[in-house]
Amino acid sequence: MAEARAETLIDDEKVRVTRFDFDPGDETGWHVHGMDYVITALTDCPMRLEEPGGETRDVMVPAGTVYRRDKGVEHNVINGGAEPMAFIETELKE
């Protein structure tokens, strides 16, 4: 699988904002979030989430919706759909 494209839009003392673009099958690679974060879906995002312990789950995040997670989340995010997907991740610095 190919790696999703990441573009840092803002990185200052308060937040880091990154745009992620995925072709079908692209992935972020395994990572642990070091900060609380908010995801804003730019497109419909059919995410396949690989999680610790070998679990995999599919989640549809509709375009224009947002969700928040606490730091410490560990996963690999894959575009499980047939179309490109994109989202903005806003990490909240402490």
Protein backbone atom coordinates (compact mmCIF):
# COMPACT_ATOMS: atom_id res chain seq x y z
CA MET A 1 0.00 0.00 0.00
CA ALA A 2 1.07 3.57 -0.64
CA GLU A 3 1.32 6.23 2.04
CA ALA A 4 -1.27 9.01 2.25
CA ARG A 5 -0.04 12.48 1.35
CA ALA A 6 0.24 14.85 4.34
CA GLU A 7 0.57 18.63 4.05
CA THR A 8 1.18 20.73 7.15
CA LEU A 9 -1.02 23.84 6.93
CA ILE A 10 -0.30 25.41 10.35
CA ASP A 11 2.26 24.49 13.00
CA ASP A 12 2.51 27.08 15.77
CA GLU A 13 2.56 27.14 19.57
CA LYS A 14 -1.18 26.28 19.83
CA VAL A 15 -2.03 23.81 17.02
CA ARG A 16 -0.70 21.68 14.21
CA VAL A 17 -3.13 21.43 11.28
CA THR A 18 -2.44 18.80 8.61
CA ARG A 19 -4.36 17.89 5.47
CA PHE A 20 -4.32 14.19 4.55
CA ASP A 21 -5.18 12.98 1.04
CA PHE A 22 -5.62 9.28 0.31
CA ASP A 23 -6.06 7.44 -2.95
CA PRO A 24 -7.97 4.16 -2.58
CA GLY A 25 -5.88 1.79 -0.45
CA ASP A 26 -3.47 4.49 0.80
CA GLU A 27 -2.65 4.43 4.51
CA THR A 28 -1.12 6.62 7.20
CA GLY A 29 1.06 3.84 8.60
CA TRP A 30 0.97 2.85 12.27
CA HIS A 31 1.17 5.82 14.63
CA VAL A 32 0.30 6.94 18.16
CA HIS A 33 -1.30 10.36 18.59
CA GLY A 34 0.78 12.46 20.98
CA MET A 35 -1.87 15.19 21.27
CA ASP A 36 -5.66 15.48 21.50
CA TYR A 37 -6.99 15.99 17.98
CA VAL A 38 -10.01 16.88 15.86
CA ILE A 39 -10.71 15.38 12.41
CA THR A 40 -12.78 17.30 9.82
CA ALA A 41 -13.82 15.19 6.82
CA LEU A 42 -13.48 17.04 3.52
CA THR A 43 -14.90 14.11 1.54
CA ASP A 44 -16.80 11.02 2.57
CA CYS A 45 -14.13 8.99 4.38
CA PRO A 46 -14.61 5.22 4.37
CA MET A 47 -11.86 4.56 6.92
CA ARG A 48 -10.52 1.09 7.60
CA LEU A 49 -8.88 1.30 11.02
CA GLU A 50 -6.23 -1.23 11.98
CA GLU A 51 -5.96 -1.23 15.76
CA PRO A 52 -3.68 -2.84 18.35
CA GLY A 53 -4.29 -6.52 18.96
CA GLY A 54 -4.95 -7.21 15.28
CA GLU A 55 -8.46 -5.78 15.22
CA THR A 56 -9.74 -4.02 12.09
CA ARG A 57 -12.94 -2.03 11.80
CA ASP A 58 -14.59 0.01 9.06
CA VAL A 59 -16.02 3.45 9.84
CA MET A 60 -17.74 5.87 7.44
CA VAL A 61 -17.10 9.53 8.30
CA PRO A 62 -19.40 11.65 6.08
CA ALA A 63 -18.05 14.77 4.36
CA GLY A 64 -18.42 17.89 6.51
CA THR A 65 -18.54 16.06 9.83
CA VAL A 66 -16.04 16.26 12.68
CA TYR A 67 -14.94 14.12 15.60
CA ARG A 68 -12.46 14.48 18.47
CA ARG A 69 -10.14 11.96 20.11
CA ASP A 70 -7.79 12.08 23.09
CA LYS A 71 -4.04 11.65 22.78
CA GLY A 72 -2.76 8.09 22.97
CA VAL A 73 -4.88 6.65 20.14
CA GLU A 74 -2.83 4.09 18.19
CA HIS A 75 -3.86 2.93 14.72
CA ASN A 76 -3.25 2.74 10.98
CA VAL A 77 -5.85 4.57 8.87
CA ILE A 78 -6.55 3.16 5.38
CA ASN A 79 -8.84 4.47 2.65
CA GLY A 80 -11.16 1.47 2.43
CA GLY A 81 -13.22 2.96 -0.38
CA ALA A 82 -13.02 3.15 -4.17
CA GLU A 83 -12.65 6.96 -4.37
CA PRO A 84 -10.04 9.41 -3.04
CA MET A 85 -10.67 10.68 0.50
CA ALA A 86 -9.37 13.71 2.39
CA PHE A 87 -9.56 15.10 5.90
CA ILE A 88 -8.02 17.82 8.05
CA GLU A 89 -6.44 16.84 11.36
CA THR A 90 -6.09 19.58 13.99
CA GLU A 91 -3.80 18.60 16.86
CA LEU A 92 -4.18 20.62 20.06
CA LYS A 93 -0.86 21.45 21.71
CA GLU A 94 -0.79 21.63 25.50
